[in-house]
Amino acid sequence: MSSATSSIQTRKTLKSRLREGENLYGLFLLSLSPEIAEIAAFSGYDFIIIDLEHGPGDIREAVNCIRAIEAAGCSAVVRVPDVTQAWAKKALDLGTAGIMFPMVENGGSASDAVSFCRYRPDGVRGCAYTVVRDSKFGFDEAYLANYIDDLLVMCQIESEEGVKNVNEIVAVDGMDCVMMGPRDLSASLGLLHDPGNPKVKSTMRTAETAVLASDPVKGGAYLAGMATAQDMAADLWSRGYHIVLGSADVSLFKKAAVDDVKANKKSVVAVTGV
C-alpha cells in the first residue's frame, strides 16, 4: 500500500450507519456558504445536504462546502436540480457521500437515477475516476471496489404521481432511500396553500407505509423526510423515519435574525418607554 493511500482518512459512510441502525439528522444548505456549512458540521448534524436545486450556488461553490463539511468531521450530500446524467456526473465527481434526485415519479426515473451513479456495465456514468475528487484524485486504490457501496442514493417522492408509483420506485435496485417532499406534494394535490390538509397527510401516509414495509437490507429503501410546521421532527421519528432534515440554513438564520431584532426592540421600549 502506498503512503498516499495509507494516509487517506476514512469515516463511516451514511449507508453503513443506516445499516447499523442509526437514525440520521441533517440540514439543508441553500446559501452554499463554506463558513455556514462548517459551523453546521461542527454543531453536530450527521450530514448536510448541499442544495443545487433551490440554492443559488454552482458546482465550484458546492465542492468548497463539501471540503468544509468533511474537514469538520461531517458528511455531505448533494441535491441536484433534476434527474439528468450531466448533473449527476458533476455532483458525484466532487466526492459526495450521497446524492439526492428531486421529483422522481416512477420506477423508470429511479432506474435512470441509479444508472447515472454507476460506471459501465452497471450504469452510464462517465469515467474520469483517476482525476476527480471522488477517488481522491486517483490516490484511493480501493475506489472502484467500494464506490457503489459507499454512496447513498436518495430519490424524492413529491407528487401524487410519485406516491401512486411508490412501490415500483422502492423496488429499484440501488435506490437506497426515499425522501418525502411534502410541499411539492401538497401543490400537486392542488393544496399549495394548505400543506396540513388531511388529504396531503393521507397521501403522505400511503407513501410512508409502502417504504417502511420494504426491507433496506433486502433491496428496499430507507425513509427520509423534512420537518415542517405541520410535521415536526418528533412526529417523523415517531412514524419510523430513518432520516430527518430539521431545517435549512437560511431558515435558521432568518429566525435568529428576527428574534434578535424583536429582543432589541423590547429592550429599547423597556429603557425608553417608547
Protein backbone atom coordinates (compact mmCIF):
# COMPACT_ATOMS: atom_id res chain seq x y z
CA MET A 1 0.00 0.00 0.00
CA SER A 2 1.41 3.40 -0.96
CA SER A 3 1.99 6.08 1.66
CA ALA A 4 -0.61 8.26 -0.07
CA THR A 5 -3.24 5.54 0.15
CA SER A 6 -2.45 4.67 3.75
CA SER A 7 -2.83 8.32 4.77
CA ILE A 8 -6.37 8.60 3.44
CA GLN A 9 -8.70 9.18 6.37
CA THR A 10 -11.95 7.26 6.35
CA ARG A 11 -15.20 7.80 8.24
CA LYS A 12 -18.26 5.63 8.38
CA THR A 13 -20.46 6.13 5.34
CA LEU A 14 -24.03 7.28 5.75
CA LYS A 15 -25.20 3.99 4.28
CA SER A 16 -23.19 1.94 6.76
CA ARG A 17 -24.52 3.99 9.66
CA LEU A 18 -28.07 3.34 8.49
CA ARG A 19 -27.35 -0.37 8.20
CA GLU A 20 -26.14 -0.33 11.79
CA GLY A 21 -29.50 1.06 12.89
CA GLU A 22 -28.60 4.71 13.37
CA ASN A 23 -31.15 7.45 12.79
CA LEU A 24 -29.60 10.40 10.95
CA TYR A 25 -30.39 14.09 11.43
CA GLY A 26 -29.45 16.61 8.75
CA LEU A 27 -29.71 20.15 7.45
CA PHE A 28 -30.31 21.69 4.03
CA LEU A 29 -27.63 24.20 2.95
CA LEU A 30 -29.08 26.71 0.49
CA SER A 31 -26.61 29.56 0.97
CA LEU A 32 -23.67 27.43 -0.19
CA SER A 33 -21.51 29.33 2.26
CA PRO A 34 -18.49 27.25 3.34
CA GLU A 35 -18.46 29.10 6.66
CA ILE A 36 -22.10 28.27 7.40
CA ALA A 37 -21.51 24.71 6.20
CA GLU A 38 -18.57 24.35 8.58
CA ILE A 39 -20.48 25.81 11.52
CA ALA A 40 -23.37 23.43 10.84
CA ALA A 41 -20.99 20.47 10.68
CA PHE A 42 -19.32 21.40 13.97
CA SER A 43 -22.79 21.78 15.51
CA GLY A 44 -23.31 18.04 15.34
CA TYR A 45 -25.51 17.32 12.33
CA ASP A 46 -24.97 13.84 10.90
CA PHE A 47 -24.96 15.18 7.36
CA ILE A 48 -25.63 18.35 5.38
CA ILE A 49 -27.39 18.49 2.02
CA ILE A 50 -25.86 21.00 -0.37
CA ASP A 51 -28.89 22.17 -2.33
CA LEU A 52 -28.23 22.82 -6.01
CA GLU A 53 -31.94 22.54 -6.82
CA HIS A 54 -33.17 25.60 -4.92
CA GLY A 55 -29.93 27.21 -3.74
CA PRO A 56 -28.23 29.85 -5.95
CA GLY A 57 -24.82 28.13 -5.94
CA ASP A 58 -22.92 26.13 -8.52
CA ILE A 59 -20.52 23.20 -8.65
CA ARG A 60 -17.45 25.23 -7.65
CA GLU A 61 -19.23 26.54 -4.55
CA ALA A 62 -20.51 23.05 -3.77
CA VAL A 63 -17.05 21.48 -3.68
CA ASN A 64 -15.82 24.16 -1.28
CA CYS A 65 -18.76 23.40 1.00
CA ILE A 66 -18.01 19.66 0.83
CA ARG A 67 -14.42 20.35 1.87
CA ALA A 68 -15.59 22.46 4.81
CA ILE A 69 -18.15 19.86 5.91
CA GLU A 70 -15.71 16.97 5.73
CA ALA A 71 -12.96 18.91 7.49
CA ALA A 72 -15.37 19.31 10.41
CA GLY A 73 -15.95 15.55 10.56
CA CYS A 74 -19.39 15.53 8.92
CA SER A 75 -20.81 14.03 5.70
CA ALA A 76 -22.10 15.92 2.67
CA VAL A 77 -24.93 15.04 0.30
CA VAL A 78 -25.65 16.95 -2.91
CA ARG A 79 -29.18 17.54 -4.18
CA VAL A 80 -29.04 18.01 -7.94
CA PRO A 81 -31.58 20.17 -9.84
CA ASP A 82 -33.11 17.29 -11.79
CA VAL A 83 -32.70 13.68 -12.85
CA THR A 84 -30.08 14.04 -15.57
CA GLN A 85 -26.81 12.31 -16.32
CA ALA A 86 -24.90 15.58 -16.65
CA TRP A 87 -25.85 16.91 -13.20
CA ALA A 88 -25.30 13.56 -11.52
CA LYS A 89 -21.85 13.22 -13.06
CA LYS A 90 -20.77 16.70 -11.94
CA ALA A 91 -22.07 16.17 -8.41
CA LEU A 92 -20.60 12.68 -7.95
CA ASP A 93 -17.15 13.66 -9.19
CA LEU A 94 -16.98 16.14 -6.30
CA GLY A 95 -16.75 13.25 -3.84
CA THR A 96 -20.07 13.44 -2.04
CA ALA A 97 -21.30 10.86 0.48
CA GLY A 98 -24.74 10.85 -1.09
CA ILE A 99 -26.79 12.25 -3.94
CA MET A 100 -30.46 13.29 -3.94
CA PHE A 101 -32.60 13.35 -7.08
CA PRO A 102 -35.77 15.50 -6.95
CA MET A 103 -39.23 14.77 -8.36
CA VAL A 104 -38.83 11.06 -9.08
CA GLU A 105 -42.25 9.91 -10.27
CA ASN A 106 -41.84 6.31 -11.36
CA GLY A 107 -39.56 3.30 -11.44
CA GLY A 108 -38.07 4.31 -14.77
CA SER A 109 -36.92 7.64 -13.39
CA ALA A 110 -35.48 5.95 -10.30
CA SER A 111 -33.66 3.43 -12.51
CA ASP A 112 -32.20 6.28 -14.54
CA ALA A 113 -31.01 7.96 -11.34
CA VAL A 114 -29.20 4.81 -10.22
CA SER A 115 -27.64 4.26 -13.65
CA PHE A 116 -26.23 7.80 -13.59
CA CYS A 117 -24.35 6.86 -10.39
CA ARG A 118 -22.63 3.74 -11.74
CA TYR A 119 -19.93 3.12 -14.29
CA ARG A 120 -20.44 0.71 -17.16
CA PRO A 121 -21.51 -2.06 -17.36
CA ASP A 122 -23.69 -1.31 -14.30
CA GLY A 123 -24.69 2.18 -15.43
CA VAL A 124 -23.80 5.08 -17.70
CA ARG A 125 -21.67 7.33 -15.50
CA GLY A 126 -18.76 8.86 -17.39
CA CYS A 127 -15.34 7.55 -16.35
CA ALA A 128 -12.83 10.08 -15.04
CA TYR A 129 -12.16 8.38 -11.73
CA THR A 130 -8.38 8.75 -11.93
CA VAL A 131 -8.52 12.54 -11.89
CA VAL A 132 -11.56 13.57 -9.81
CA ARG A 133 -12.05 14.23 -6.12
CA ASP A 134 -14.42 11.26 -5.69
CA SER A 135 -11.43 8.87 -5.90
CA LYS A 136 -9.10 11.23 -4.01
CA PHE A 137 -7.73 12.12 -7.47
CA GLY A 138 -6.71 8.52 -8.05
CA PHE A 139 -4.97 8.01 -4.69
CA ASP A 140 -7.78 5.78 -3.39
CA GLU A 141 -6.73 2.41 -4.80
CA ALA A 142 -9.87 0.72 -3.44
CA TYR A 143 -12.24 3.25 -5.03
CA LEU A 144 -13.67 1.08 -7.81
CA ALA A 145 -14.27 -1.79 -5.41
CA ASN A 146 -16.16 0.39 -2.95
CA TYR A 147 -17.78 3.36 -4.68
CA ILE A 148 -21.22 1.73 -5.17
CA ASP A 149 -21.44 0.57 -1.57
CA ASP A 150 -20.17 3.89 -0.22
CA LEU A 151 -22.71 6.12 -1.98
CA LEU A 152 -26.20 6.79 -0.61
CA VAL A 153 -28.65 7.25 -3.50
CA MET A 154 -31.77 9.18 -2.49
CA CYS A 155 -34.89 9.76 -4.64
CA GLN A 156 -37.56 12.28 -3.72
CA ILE A 157 -41.23 11.44 -3.96
CA GLU A 158 -43.02 14.76 -4.02
CA SER A 159 -46.04 14.41 -6.28
CA GLU A 160 -49.29 12.50 -6.45
CA GLU A 161 -47.86 10.53 -9.38
CA GLY A 162 -44.80 9.60 -7.35
CA VAL A 163 -46.92 8.30 -4.49
CA LYS A 164 -49.01 6.31 -6.95
CA ASN A 165 -45.82 4.59 -8.17
CA VAL A 166 -44.06 4.33 -4.81
CA ASN A 167 -43.78 0.54 -4.87
CA GLU A 168 -42.01 0.44 -8.23
CA ILE A 169 -39.66 3.24 -7.10
CA VAL A 170 -38.78 1.39 -3.88
CA ALA A 171 -38.18 -1.82 -5.84
CA VAL A 172 -35.41 -0.31 -7.98
CA ASP A 173 -32.09 -1.98 -7.18
CA GLY A 174 -29.53 0.56 -5.95
CA MET A 175 -32.09 3.17 -4.89
CA ASP A 176 -31.31 3.37 -1.18
CA CYS A 177 -33.64 5.97 0.28
CA VAL A 178 -36.96 7.69 -0.43
CA MET A 179 -37.12 11.32 0.64
CA MET A 180 -40.64 12.68 1.00
CA GLY A 181 -41.32 16.19 -0.34
CA PRO A 182 -44.44 17.46 1.47
CA ARG A 183 -44.61 20.95 -0.02
CA ASP A 184 -44.45 19.89 -3.66
CA LEU A 185 -46.79 17.02 -2.84
CA SER A 186 -49.39 19.41 -1.45
CA ALA A 187 -49.03 21.56 -4.58
CA SER A 188 -49.54 18.52 -6.84
CA LEU A 189 -52.77 17.82 -4.97
CA GLY A 190 -53.99 21.37 -5.61
CA LEU A 191 -53.36 22.33 -1.99
CA LEU A 192 -50.34 24.60 -2.30
CA HIS A 193 -51.53 26.89 0.48
CA ASP A 194 -52.79 24.09 2.71
CA PRO A 195 -49.95 21.59 3.36
CA GLY A 196 -51.64 20.46 6.57
CA ASN A 197 -54.77 19.35 4.74
CA PRO A 198 -55.96 15.82 5.67
CA LYS A 199 -55.67 14.78 2.01
CA VAL A 200 -51.98 15.70 2.00
CA LYS A 201 -51.39 13.82 5.24
CA SER A 202 -53.26 10.77 3.97
CA THR A 203 -51.25 10.72 0.74
CA MET A 204 -48.03 11.06 2.74
CA ARG A 205 -49.03 8.11 4.91
CA THR A 206 -49.64 5.97 1.83
CA ALA A 207 -46.07 6.53 0.64
CA GLU A 208 -44.60 6.18 4.13
CA THR A 209 -46.34 2.85 4.68
CA ALA A 210 -45.05 1.46 1.40
CA VAL A 211 -41.46 2.48 2.08
CA LEU A 212 -41.46 1.25 5.68
CA ALA A 213 -42.91 -2.08 4.54
CA SER A 214 -39.79 -2.69 2.48
CA ASP A 215 -36.54 -4.04 3.92
CA PRO A 216 -33.49 -1.91 3.02
CA VAL A 217 -31.20 -4.88 3.65
CA LYS A 218 -33.11 -6.91 1.03
CA GLY A 219 -33.40 -4.24 -1.65
CA GLY A 220 -35.97 -1.96 -0.05
CA ALA A 221 -35.43 1.65 0.98
CA TYR A 222 -34.88 3.87 3.99
CA LEU A 223 -37.39 6.65 4.65
CA ALA A 224 -36.34 10.30 4.91
CA GLY A 225 -38.34 13.47 5.42
CA MET A 226 -38.25 17.19 6.14
CA ALA A 227 -39.61 18.55 9.40
CA THR A 228 -42.29 21.20 8.85
CA ALA A 229 -44.74 23.21 10.93
CA GLN A 230 -47.35 20.54 10.15
CA ASP A 231 -44.99 17.59 10.80
CA MET A 232 -42.30 18.23 13.38
CA ALA A 233 -39.15 16.12 13.64
CA ALA A 234 -40.59 14.25 16.63
CA ASP A 235 -43.65 13.33 14.53
CA LEU A 236 -41.49 11.88 11.78
CA TRP A 237 -39.32 9.91 14.19
CA SER A 238 -42.44 8.50 15.85
CA ARG A 239 -43.69 7.22 12.48
CA GLY A 240 -40.49 5.30 11.82
CA TYR A 241 -38.45 7.67 9.66
CA HIS A 242 -34.77 6.73 9.39
CA ILE A 243 -33.59 10.20 8.32
CA VAL A 244 -34.95 13.63 9.21
CA LEU A 245 -33.94 17.03 7.86
CA GLY A 246 -34.59 19.52 10.65
CA SER A 247 -34.40 22.77 8.73
CA ALA A 248 -32.38 24.83 6.24
CA ASP A 249 -29.55 27.22 6.96
CA VAL A 250 -31.43 30.26 5.65
CA SER A 251 -34.48 29.40 7.76
CA LEU A 252 -32.38 29.13 10.91
CA PHE A 253 -30.65 32.43 10.19
CA LYS A 254 -33.95 34.14 9.40
CA LYS A 255 -35.40 33.04 12.74
CA ALA A 256 -32.29 34.07 14.65
CA ALA A 257 -32.23 37.48 12.95
CA VAL A 258 -35.93 38.15 13.53
CA ASP A 259 -35.68 37.05 17.18
CA ASP A 260 -32.65 39.32 17.68
CA VAL A 261 -34.42 42.37 16.27
CA LYS A 262 -37.53 41.66 18.35
CA ALA A 263 -35.45 41.30 21.52
CA ASN A 264 -33.69 44.56 20.82
CA LYS A 265 -36.98 46.40 20.28
CA LYS A 266 -38.25 45.09 23.62
CA SER A 267 -35.10 46.27 25.40
CA VAL A 268 -35.40 49.71 23.80
CA VAL A 269 -39.01 50.00 24.94
CA ALA A 270 -38.03 48.89 28.44
CA VAL A 271 -35.35 51.57 28.65
CA THR A 272 -37.04 54.47 26.82
CA GLY A 273 -40.70 53.70 27.29
CA VAL A 274 -41.26 54.16 23.57
